[in-house]
């Protein structure tokens, strides 16, 4: 199958090097982080790339491509041609692709889309139910691969780009040294939904145990979370006091390891080369959604099977999480 044959000119049948590519992920910053490798691949291959994410817009100075608020997308101007040669859109249409791009590429990580594509092959073809006249529907996400890796494969095998990057290409300040603090373990005990949150008392106990073992364990909390935790708990472990998202990036980049729930900070840590341990508190397998820029691990309760009708939450013990962390450390010796 010819890669993106519906485009004109440029390498591998895609937009020419001067062409503009837009990426429109879901609003959560985890969804935005997952596609930054694709944005870097396109940038390295000569395209002008804009990622539209309110959650990540403040990080644009740290990346080799533009990251803009959603409202900054160029509005159609009468009979002028669309602003983008191609626009990658995560599932939602709402009239956006026909107005803003010559071609929209819809992508979807759902199991339904995976099954429709056979689970192990890509599909770049019109006529899929949620596509319309100027859209191409895309599914290319092998169930056993993290999504960040799937995007790299897509850039190489489908787009045929000369540079298929896995990482976003962070532009960190010269004084920021990756994993400089090898004994520092950042623990993020929050998540976007309550169902994903490991019992917070266990996060505190894990931090205490790691500190007793000589690790510099610290809780990563934003301003609102800090206020809530300090009302609820007598905190006896350090808590981050970072003023901006850019500060979080620099702090995370120098960290040795990250432990957290299924949430955006894990993807951020992984994208910065930090090994991650993701704690699962649901039946979700998290095979594709796990942080996958850098090698990491996933830990869940010992029970290996739940009936499909079960709504039981899964809460691994502190000891089980600590053992999984120790196994991760053996794979990635600290500096």
Protein backbone atom coordinates (compact mmCIF):
# COMPACT_ATOMS: atom_id res chain seq x y z
CA UNK A 1 0.00 0.00 0.00
CA UNK A 2 1.43 3.38 -0.97
CA UNK A 3 1.98 5.54 2.10
CA UNK A 4 -0.57 8.37 2.25
CA UNK A 5 -0.94 8.32 -1.52
CA UNK A 6 -3.71 10.89 -1.37
CA UNK A 7 -1.21 13.64 -0.59
CA UNK A 8 0.70 15.43 -3.32
CA UNK A 9 4.45 15.90 -3.63
CA UNK A 10 7.11 15.57 -0.98
CA UNK A 11 8.87 12.47 0.34
CA UNK A 12 6.98 9.18 0.36
CA UNK A 13 3.97 10.74 -1.32
CA UNK A 14 3.44 13.13 1.58
CA UNK A 15 3.35 16.92 1.78
CA UNK A 16 6.46 18.70 0.54
CA UNK A 17 9.14 19.88 2.99
CA UNK A 18 7.51 23.31 3.15
CA UNK A 19 4.11 21.78 3.92
CA UNK A 20 2.27 22.40 7.18
CA UNK A 21 1.09 19.54 9.37
CA UNK A 22 -1.26 19.95 12.32
CA UNK A 23 -1.87 17.48 15.15
CA UNK A 24 -5.10 17.72 17.17
CA UNK A 25 -5.03 15.25 20.12
CA UNK A 26 -7.60 14.90 22.86
CA UNK A 27 -7.38 17.68 25.51
CA UNK A 28 -5.63 15.64 28.23
CA UNK A 29 -1.90 16.20 28.39
CA UNK A 30 -1.21 12.47 28.34
CA UNK A 31 -2.85 12.21 24.91
CA UNK A 32 -0.83 15.21 23.78
CA UNK A 33 2.48 13.81 25.00
CA UNK A 34 1.96 10.50 23.20
CA UNK A 35 1.99 12.17 19.75
CA UNK A 36 5.02 14.41 20.34
CA UNK A 37 7.30 11.75 18.87
CA UNK A 38 5.32 11.91 15.62
CA UNK A 39 5.59 15.71 15.67
CA UNK A 40 9.36 15.43 16.09
CA UNK A 41 9.61 12.87 13.26
CA UNK A 42 7.78 15.21 10.90
CA UNK A 43 9.87 18.20 12.01
CA UNK A 44 13.16 16.35 11.53
CA UNK A 45 11.95 15.37 8.05
CA UNK A 46 11.43 18.98 7.01
CA UNK A 47 7.78 19.76 7.73
CA UNK A 48 6.35 22.68 9.68
CA UNK A 49 4.39 21.14 12.54
CA UNK A 50 1.87 22.57 14.99
CA UNK A 51 0.42 20.56 17.87
CA UNK A 52 -2.80 21.99 19.28
CA UNK A 53 -3.01 21.29 23.00
CA UNK A 54 -4.10 23.69 25.71
CA UNK A 55 -2.46 21.45 28.32
CA UNK A 56 0.98 21.53 26.65
CA UNK A 57 1.04 25.00 25.07
CA UNK A 58 3.35 26.45 27.74
CA UNK A 59 6.02 23.90 26.78
CA UNK A 60 6.41 25.14 23.20
CA UNK A 61 9.80 26.86 23.91
CA UNK A 62 11.17 23.47 25.02
CA UNK A 63 10.25 21.64 21.81
CA UNK A 64 11.46 21.82 18.17
CA UNK A 65 7.93 22.43 16.83
CA UNK A 66 5.03 24.71 17.74
CA UNK A 67 2.64 23.74 20.51
CA UNK A 68 -0.36 26.05 20.54
CA UNK A 69 -3.66 26.46 22.36
CA UNK A 70 -6.54 25.00 20.40
CA UNK A 71 -8.02 28.42 19.77
CA UNK A 72 -4.86 29.44 17.89
CA UNK A 73 -5.60 27.23 14.88
CA UNK A 74 -5.77 29.36 11.71
CA UNK A 75 -9.39 30.01 10.83
CA UNK A 76 -10.46 29.53 7.19
CA UNK A 77 -10.29 32.79 5.24
CA UNK A 78 -12.95 32.91 2.54
CA UNK A 79 -11.75 31.09 -0.58
CA UNK A 80 -8.16 30.83 0.66
CA UNK A 81 -6.75 27.29 0.69
CA UNK A 82 -6.77 25.39 4.00
CA UNK A 83 -3.95 26.28 6.38
CA UNK A 84 -2.66 22.68 6.64
CA UNK A 85 -1.67 20.09 4.09
CA UNK A 86 -2.66 17.46 6.65
CA UNK A 87 -4.24 17.44 10.07
CA UNK A 88 -3.98 14.44 12.41
CA UNK A 89 -7.19 14.38 14.47
CA UNK A 90 -7.84 12.10 17.42
CA UNK A 91 -11.30 10.74 16.59
CA UNK A 92 -13.32 13.97 16.87
CA UNK A 93 -14.43 15.68 13.67
CA UNK A 94 -16.98 18.44 14.37
CA UNK A 95 -16.38 19.93 10.90
CA UNK A 96 -12.77 20.78 11.73
CA UNK A 97 -10.86 18.80 9.05
CA UNK A 98 -12.83 20.00 6.00
CA UNK A 99 -12.37 23.61 7.06
CA UNK A 100 -8.74 23.59 8.15
CA UNK A 101 -6.85 20.99 6.10
CA UNK A 102 -6.65 19.45 2.66
CA UNK A 103 -6.60 16.03 4.26
CA UNK A 104 -7.52 14.92 7.77
CA UNK A 105 -6.07 11.73 9.22
CA UNK A 106 -8.27 10.33 11.95
CA UNK A 107 -6.60 8.13 14.52
CA UNK A 108 -8.10 6.05 17.27
CA UNK A 109 -6.55 3.86 19.97
CA UNK A 110 -9.73 1.96 20.84
CA UNK A 111 -9.88 -1.82 20.83
CA UNK A 112 -12.70 -1.61 18.28
CA UNK A 113 -10.41 0.21 15.88
CA UNK A 114 -7.60 -2.24 16.55
CA UNK A 115 -9.86 -5.20 15.86
CA UNK A 116 -11.20 -3.58 12.68
CA UNK A 117 -7.60 -3.21 11.46
CA UNK A 118 -6.67 -6.77 12.39
CA UNK A 119 -4.67 -5.58 15.38
CA UNK A 120 -1.34 -6.10 13.63
CA UNK A 121 -1.47 -4.06 10.44
CA UNK A 122 -2.09 -0.52 9.37
CA UNK A 123 -5.00 0.71 7.34
CA UNK A 124 -4.85 3.94 5.37
CA UNK A 125 -8.01 4.07 3.32
CA UNK A 126 -11.16 6.16 2.87
CA UNK A 127 -14.63 4.84 3.43
CA UNK A 128 -14.42 3.93 7.11
CA UNK A 129 -17.73 4.84 8.82
CA UNK A 130 -16.41 7.81 10.79
CA UNK A 131 -14.55 9.31 7.81
CA UNK A 132 -15.95 11.68 5.20
CA UNK A 133 -14.95 12.87 1.74
CA UNK A 134 -11.62 14.50 2.52
CA UNK A 135 -10.59 12.24 5.41
CA UNK A 136 -8.32 9.26 5.65
CA UNK A 137 -8.96 6.86 8.51
CA UNK A 138 -5.93 5.45 10.29
CA UNK A 139 -5.46 2.58 12.68
CA UNK A 140 -1.92 1.36 13.26
CA UNK A 141 -1.59 0.42 16.87
CA UNK A 142 -0.46 -3.11 17.69
CA UNK A 143 -1.97 -4.19 21.00
CA UNK A 144 1.41 -5.25 22.40
CA UNK A 145 3.27 -2.02 21.63
CA UNK A 146 3.16 1.22 23.64
CA UNK A 147 1.51 3.98 21.66
CA UNK A 148 4.69 6.06 21.51
CA UNK A 149 6.43 3.14 19.79
CA UNK A 150 3.44 2.65 17.46
CA UNK A 151 3.76 6.26 16.27
CA UNK A 152 7.44 5.75 15.56
CA UNK A 153 6.62 2.65 13.50
CA UNK A 154 3.93 4.57 11.68
CA UNK A 155 6.34 7.41 10.85
CA UNK A 156 8.88 4.94 9.46
CA UNK A 157 6.74 2.30 7.77
CA UNK A 158 3.66 4.18 6.63
CA UNK A 159 4.75 7.78 6.16
CA UNK A 160 8.18 6.67 4.98
CA UNK A 161 9.83 9.56 6.78
CA UNK A 162 13.64 9.73 6.63
CA UNK A 163 13.70 10.44 10.37
CA UNK A 164 11.41 8.37 12.60
CA UNK A 165 11.87 9.64 16.14
CA UNK A 166 10.62 8.04 19.32
CA UNK A 167 11.27 10.97 21.65
CA UNK A 168 9.83 14.52 21.40
CA UNK A 169 13.25 16.16 21.04
CA UNK A 170 13.15 18.18 24.26
CA UNK A 171 15.31 21.34 24.26
CA UNK A 172 16.37 21.50 27.87
CA UNK A 173 18.55 24.20 29.39
CA UNK A 174 22.29 23.39 29.35
CA UNK A 175 22.38 23.14 33.13
CA UNK A 176 19.76 20.36 33.13
CA UNK A 177 21.56 17.01 33.25
CA UNK A 178 19.41 13.95 32.44
CA UNK A 179 18.98 11.68 35.50
CA UNK A 180 21.57 13.67 37.42
CA UNK A 181 19.86 12.74 40.70
CA UNK A 182 19.87 9.00 40.25
CA UNK A 183 18.56 8.30 43.76
CA UNK A 184 15.60 10.64 43.39
CA UNK A 185 12.24 8.92 42.97
CA UNK A 186 9.29 11.09 41.98
CA UNK A 187 5.97 9.64 43.15
CA UNK A 188 2.81 11.06 41.58
CA UNK A 189 -0.15 9.89 43.70
CA UNK A 190 -2.94 11.58 41.73
CA UNK A 191 -4.70 10.88 38.41
CA UNK A 192 -7.31 12.33 36.12
CA UNK A 193 -10.05 10.07 37.48
CA UNK A 194 -10.63 8.64 40.94
CA UNK A 195 -10.77 5.08 39.58
CA UNK A 196 -7.11 5.30 38.58
CA UNK A 197 -5.82 6.50 41.96
CA UNK A 198 -3.90 4.00 44.10
CA UNK A 199 -4.97 4.47 47.76
CA UNK A 200 -3.11 7.58 48.79
CA UNK A 201 -2.10 6.24 52.19
CA UNK A 202 -0.17 3.57 50.29
CA UNK A 203 1.65 6.21 48.24
CA UNK A 204 2.75 7.86 51.48
CA UNK A 205 3.84 4.55 52.97
CA UNK A 206 5.78 3.68 49.82
CA UNK A 207 7.58 7.05 49.97
CA UNK A 208 8.47 6.45 53.63
CA UNK A 209 9.84 2.96 52.89
CA UNK A 210 11.92 4.19 49.98
CA UNK A 211 13.37 7.00 52.07
CA UNK A 212 14.29 4.53 54.82
CA UNK A 213 16.10 2.52 52.13
CA UNK A 214 18.17 5.54 51.12
CA UNK A 215 16.10 6.84 48.21
CA UNK A 216 15.23 10.52 47.84
CA UNK A 217 11.49 9.93 47.42
CA UNK A 218 9.39 13.05 46.76
CA UNK A 219 5.70 13.55 46.02
CA UNK A 220 4.80 15.41 42.82
CA UNK A 221 1.72 17.54 43.52
CA UNK A 222 0.42 20.74 41.96
CA UNK A 223 -0.72 23.71 44.04
CA UNK A 224 -4.32 22.54 44.51
CA UNK A 225 -3.24 18.98 45.27
CA UNK A 226 -0.71 20.18 47.84
CA UNK A 227 -3.38 22.14 49.69
CA UNK A 228 -5.71 19.16 49.71
CA UNK A 229 -3.05 16.71 50.87
CA UNK A 230 -1.84 18.97 53.66
CA UNK A 231 -5.39 19.20 55.02
CA UNK A 232 -5.86 15.46 54.83
CA UNK A 233 -2.47 14.09 55.92
CA UNK A 234 0.42 14.89 58.19
CA UNK A 235 3.01 14.93 55.44
CA UNK A 236 6.38 13.64 56.57
CA UNK A 237 7.94 13.28 53.09
CA UNK A 238 9.07 16.08 50.76
CA UNK A 239 6.56 17.58 48.32
CA UNK A 240 7.50 19.45 45.14
CA UNK A 241 7.04 23.24 45.10
CA UNK A 242 7.35 23.88 41.36
CA UNK A 243 5.92 27.08 39.89
CA UNK A 244 5.45 26.19 36.22
CA UNK A 245 5.05 23.24 33.87
CA UNK A 246 8.50 24.02 32.46
CA UNK A 247 9.93 23.67 35.98
CA UNK A 248 8.26 20.26 36.26
CA UNK A 249 9.93 19.20 33.00
CA UNK A 250 13.40 20.23 34.19
CA UNK A 251 12.88 18.62 37.60
CA UNK A 252 11.60 15.41 36.06
CA UNK A 253 14.46 15.24 33.53
CA UNK A 254 17.04 15.11 36.35
CA UNK A 255 15.12 12.44 38.27
CA UNK A 256 16.31 8.85 38.55
CA UNK A 257 12.92 7.07 38.58
CA UNK A 258 9.21 7.78 38.45
CA UNK A 259 6.32 5.94 40.15
CA UNK A 260 2.72 6.90 39.50
CA UNK A 261 -0.81 6.05 38.48
CA UNK A 262 -2.05 5.74 34.92
CA UNK A 263 -1.82 9.46 34.15
CA UNK A 264 0.02 12.14 32.17
CA UNK A 265 3.11 12.62 34.40
CA UNK A 266 4.19 9.05 33.67
CA UNK A 267 4.23 9.81 29.93
CA UNK A 268 6.15 13.01 30.64
CA UNK A 269 8.80 11.20 32.68
CA UNK A 270 9.14 8.48 30.05
CA UNK A 271 9.47 11.07 27.26
CA UNK A 272 12.41 12.55 29.21
CA UNK A 273 14.24 9.22 29.44
CA UNK A 274 13.22 8.42 33.02
CA UNK A 275 12.28 4.77 33.77
CA UNK A 276 8.70 4.56 35.02
CA UNK A 277 6.64 2.25 37.21
CA UNK A 278 2.90 2.57 36.57
CA UNK A 279 0.49 1.37 39.25
CA UNK A 280 -2.79 -0.08 37.97
CA UNK A 281 -5.91 0.12 40.09
CA UNK A 282 -8.39 -1.08 37.46
CA UNK A 283 -8.79 -4.23 35.37
CA UNK A 284 -7.35 -2.37 32.39
CA UNK A 285 -4.27 -4.16 31.03
CA UNK A 286 -2.59 -0.90 29.98
CA UNK A 287 -0.54 -2.68 27.34
CA UNK A 288 -0.66 0.12 24.78
CA UNK A 289 -1.35 3.04 27.07
CA UNK A 290 1.58 2.48 29.41
CA UNK A 291 4.40 5.07 29.19
CA UNK A 292 6.52 3.78 26.35
CA UNK A 293 9.17 6.29 25.31
CA UNK A 294 11.60 4.71 27.79
CA UNK A 295 11.60 1.19 29.19
CA UNK A 296 9.32 0.92 32.21
CA UNK A 297 7.12 -1.48 34.13
CA UNK A 298 3.49 -1.90 35.15
CA UNK A 299 2.36 -3.34 38.50
CA UNK A 300 -1.09 -4.49 39.54
CA UNK A 301 -2.60 -6.73 42.21
CA UNK A 302 -1.52 -10.36 42.30
CA UNK A 303 -4.90 -11.67 41.22
CA UNK A 304 -4.61 -12.51 37.54
CA UNK A 305 -8.25 -12.80 36.43
CA UNK A 306 -11.42 -10.79 37.00
CA UNK A 307 -14.86 -11.80 35.70
CA UNK A 308 -15.99 -9.47 32.89
CA UNK A 309 -18.92 -8.29 35.03
CA UNK A 310 -16.75 -7.45 38.02
CA UNK A 311 -16.43 -3.80 39.08
CA UNK A 312 -13.82 -4.61 41.70
CA UNK A 313 -10.98 -2.12 42.02
CA UNK A 314 -7.48 -3.49 41.96
CA UNK A 315 -5.06 -2.24 44.61
CA UNK A 316 -1.61 -3.79 44.72
CA UNK A 317 0.02 -3.82 48.12
CA UNK A 318 2.84 -1.49 49.06
CA UNK A 319 5.18 -4.46 49.24
CA UNK A 320 4.25 -5.57 45.73
CA UNK A 321 4.86 -2.08 44.32
CA UNK A 322 8.18 -1.82 46.15
CA UNK A 323 9.27 -5.19 44.76
CA UNK A 324 8.35 -4.07 41.23
CA UNK A 325 10.36 -0.89 41.75
CA UNK A 326 13.40 -2.85 42.90
CA UNK A 327 13.14 -5.00 39.77
CA UNK A 328 13.00 -1.84 37.64
CA UNK A 329 16.11 -0.49 39.37
CA UNK A 330 18.02 -3.66 38.55
CA UNK A 331 17.25 -3.05 34.87
CA UNK A 332 18.29 0.63 35.09
CA UNK A 333 21.12 1.09 37.60
CA UNK A 334 21.13 4.62 38.96
CA UNK A 335 24.05 6.89 38.23
